[in-house]
Amino acid sequence: MRKKHYTDKKLALALASLFANRTVVGLGDGRGTYRNLVLRTGKVRTYDAYDGAPYIHAITRGQVIILRLLSGSQFN
């Protein structure tokens, strides 16, 4: 059975406060849900989101950039 992803909106607001007036880089950001929530607060300068999932750039309409941090045959 597929589990639903849980987004902690209070955590996103706390992160926005923690990173206020800063540039944020998110690794493993999936579909960019936290990126969007943090950016909506207007507290951070920028938030660049990255994930290694194939086609994530297309799936998120450019909001999340593909970045493969691991390489090697053990992950293929």
C-alpha atoms as a PDB file:
ATOM      1  CA  MET A   1       0.000   0.000   0.000  1.00  0.00           C
ATOM      2  CA  ARG A   2       1.292   3.434  -0.940  1.00  0.00           C
ATOM      3  CA  LYS A   3       1.727   5.836   1.956  1.00  0.00           C
ATOM      4  CA  LYS A   4       0.733   9.462   1.621  1.00  0.00           C
ATOM      5  CA  HIS A   5       3.423  12.087   2.075  1.00  0.00           C
ATOM      6  CA  TYR A   6       2.890  14.309   5.116  1.00  0.00           C
ATOM      7  CA  THR A   7       3.823  17.982   4.880  1.00  0.00           C
ATOM      8  CA  ASP A   8       4.413  19.714   8.205  1.00  0.00           C
ATOM      9  CA  LYS A   9       3.265  23.292   7.579  1.00  0.00           C
ATOM     10  CA  LYS A  10       4.383  24.431  11.030  1.00  0.00           C
ATOM     11  CA  LEU A  11       7.855  23.142  10.251  1.00  0.00           C
ATOM     12  CA  ALA A  12       7.857  25.067   6.966  1.00  0.00           C
ATOM     13  CA  LEU A  13       6.928  28.282   8.801  1.00  0.00           C
ATOM     14  CA  ALA A  14       9.634  27.656  11.401  1.00  0.00           C
ATOM     15  CA  LEU A  15      12.197  27.062   8.658  1.00  0.00           C
ATOM     16  CA  ALA A  16      11.150  30.282   6.939  1.00  0.00           C
ATOM     17  CA  SER A  17      11.760  32.171  10.183  1.00  0.00           C
ATOM     18  CA  LEU A  18      15.068  30.418  10.764  1.00  0.00           C
ATOM     19  CA  PHE A  19      16.274  31.243   7.247  1.00  0.00           C
ATOM     20  CA  ALA A  20      14.836  34.783   7.129  1.00  0.00           C
ATOM     21  CA  ASN A  21      16.724  37.113   4.762  1.00  0.00           C
ATOM     22  CA  ARG A  22      18.929  34.243   3.556  1.00  0.00           C
ATOM     23  CA  THR A  23      19.425  32.155   0.456  1.00  0.00           C
ATOM     24  CA  VAL A  24      18.268  28.549   0.899  1.00  0.00           C
ATOM     25  CA  VAL A  25      19.314  25.407  -0.984  1.00  0.00           C
ATOM     26  CA  GLY A  26      17.211  22.293  -0.495  1.00  0.00           C
ATOM     27  CA  LEU A  27      18.618  18.865  -1.385  1.00  0.00           C
ATOM     28  CA  GLY A  28      16.232  15.947  -1.785  1.00  0.00           C
ATOM     29  CA  ASP A  29      13.322  18.345  -2.072  1.00  0.00           C
ATOM     30  CA  GLY A  30      11.011  16.003  -3.945  1.00  0.00           C
ATOM     31  CA  ARG A  31       8.247  18.001  -5.597  1.00  0.00           C
ATOM     32  CA  GLY A  32       9.265  21.206  -3.827  1.00  0.00           C
ATOM     33  CA  THR A  33       6.392  21.434  -1.366  1.00  0.00           C
ATOM     34  CA  TYR A  34       8.520  22.900   1.419  1.00  0.00           C
ATOM     35  CA  ARG A  35      10.189  25.243  -1.078  1.00  0.00           C
ATOM     36  CA  ASN A  36       6.818  26.632  -2.081  1.00  0.00           C
ATOM     37  CA  LEU A  37       5.595  27.015   1.490  1.00  0.00           C
ATOM     38  CA  VAL A  38       8.779  28.752   2.621  1.00  0.00           C
ATOM     39  CA  LEU A  39       8.804  31.088  -0.387  1.00  0.00           C
ATOM     40  CA  ARG A  40       5.163  32.060   0.170  1.00  0.00           C
ATOM     41  CA  THR A  41       6.077  33.559   3.531  1.00  0.00           C
ATOM     42  CA  GLY A  42       8.275  36.129   1.796  1.00  0.00           C
ATOM     43  CA  LYS A  43      10.900  35.736   4.514  1.00  0.00           C
ATOM     44  CA  VAL A  44      13.726  34.162   2.500  1.00  0.00           C
ATOM     45  CA  ARG A  45      15.655  35.768  -0.358  1.00  0.00           C
ATOM     46  CA  THR A  46      15.687  32.707  -2.609  1.00  0.00           C
ATOM     47  CA  TYR A  47      15.159  28.968  -2.305  1.00  0.00           C
ATOM     48  CA  ASP A  48      16.726  26.654  -4.868  1.00  0.00           C
ATOM     49  CA  ALA A  49      15.367  23.112  -4.685  1.00  0.00           C
ATOM     50  CA  TYR A  50      17.170  20.027  -6.014  1.00  0.00           C
ATOM     51  CA  ASP A  51      16.202  16.356  -6.253  1.00  0.00           C
ATOM     52  CA  GLY A  52      17.607  13.289  -7.981  1.00  0.00           C
ATOM     53  CA  ALA A  53      14.312  11.918  -9.288  1.00  0.00           C
ATOM     54  CA  PRO A  54      14.158  11.467 -13.047  1.00  0.00           C
ATOM     55  CA  TYR A  55      12.081  14.126 -14.803  1.00  0.00           C
ATOM     56  CA  ILE A  56      11.637  16.154 -11.588  1.00  0.00           C
ATOM     57  CA  HIS A  57      12.282  19.350 -13.533  1.00  0.00           C
ATOM     58  CA  ALA A  58       9.371  18.549 -15.866  1.00  0.00           C
ATOM     59  CA  ILE A  59       7.102  17.232 -13.107  1.00  0.00           C
ATOM     60  CA  THR A  60       7.516  20.436 -11.066  1.00  0.00           C
ATOM     61  CA  ARG A  61       7.451  22.738 -14.096  1.00  0.00           C
ATOM     62  CA  GLY A  62      10.990  23.890 -13.416  1.00  0.00           C
ATOM     63  CA  GLN A  63      10.614  24.584  -9.696  1.00  0.00           C
ATOM     64  CA  VAL A  64      12.914  21.693  -8.711  1.00  0.00           C
ATOM     65  CA  ILE A  65      16.166  21.024 -10.550  1.00  0.00           C
ATOM     66  CA  ILE A  66      17.531  17.520 -11.073  1.00  0.00           C
ATOM     67  CA  LEU A  67      20.784  16.824  -9.239  1.00  0.00           C
ATOM     68  CA  ARG A  68      22.240  13.348  -8.817  1.00  0.00           C
ATOM     69  CA  LEU A  69      24.513  13.359  -5.771  1.00  0.00           C
ATOM     70  CA  LEU A  70      25.351   9.663  -5.883  1.00  0.00           C
ATOM     71  CA  SER A  71      26.784   7.648  -8.717  1.00  0.00           C
ATOM     72  CA  GLY A  72      28.088   4.143  -9.039  1.00  0.00           C
ATOM     73  CA  SER A  73      26.886   0.679  -9.870  1.00  0.00           C
ATOM     74  CA  GLN A  74      25.572  -0.046  -6.356  1.00  0.00           C
ATOM     75  CA  PHE A  75      22.721   2.431  -7.008  1.00  0.00           C
ATOM     76  CA  ASN A  76      21.820   1.350 -10.535  1.00  0.00           C
END
